[in-house]
Amino acid sequence: MPALPGVENAGKPGFYTVKRGDSLIRIALENGQNWRDLVAWNKLDNPNLIEVGQVLRVVPPGVDPTAAAPRPVAAAGRVEPRPIEKPAAPAAPASTTGPAIATASATPAPAAASAVPATTPAPAREGDDDVAWIWPASGPVIAVFDEQRSKGLAITGKAGDPVLAAADGRVVYAGSGLRGYGNLLIVKHNNTYLTAYAHNQTLLVKEDQVVRRGQKIAEMGATDAERVQLHFEIRRQGKPVDPAKLLPPR
């Protein structure tokens, strides 16, 4: 039987070995990358078909993965309710669906990229930590960050409440292909940070679209959740960090 792609790189920094149940979207999210970049770096003919044991490059070719080690996050802010900025006008609804999980075979392949190409990430830079964050929703926080149980904040509200971009960035995923997240948006802000917005009722932006801080990008919902809520994550080079330590005090 032929060797799986990339096995010679197993265990090396900057590479990831596919496990059962993995999807390209999840691998990209947990490594702080755009899934389309993973397709390009690994020359994948079909992003829906990744195999257990396959080894994927998760940093750009030529980049030293040890040069982008995360630095500590700033001290925590307070989580208290206050109004947030008025959202910008919504963009056209999205219909993009990303790759399926590695073991699935019936999910359609991802839609083609839009006219705006995905940019190739580079190692983290000093200025990448200077992000002007805002709260993505105005409702009360019903679950706080916990490294073991919750990778972000749960913010409640009513179905259809606005979900706002927490900072300027580019949409790198819009779809429902990641189990447990429902209708999900992932926005990449720079080479260091990306944010995830889960359980939405409606997605209002599409992949590769540039979004601005405070822009309405989705409507709150309960997809793949027991109640209406926004599950909001901030990831630093793929690692979940406590949003309350970066968002302004309410």
Foldseek 3Di string as FASTA:
>chain_A
DDDAAPLVCPPPPQKDADAPFAALVLVLLLQVHQSVVQCVQRVPPFSQADDGGHMTGRAHPPADNVVADDDDFFAFAAQDADDWDAADDFAAFEDWADHATNPDDPDDHTDDDDPQDDDHAHHDDPCVNVWQFAAQFRAHWPDFDDQVPALETKGADDFFGFGWDGAKFFWSDFHQRDQQFFGKTWTRRHNFKIKMWGQFPTARDYGRDTHGGRHGGTTWHHGSHPGTIIGMFMGTSSHTDGVSSPHHYD
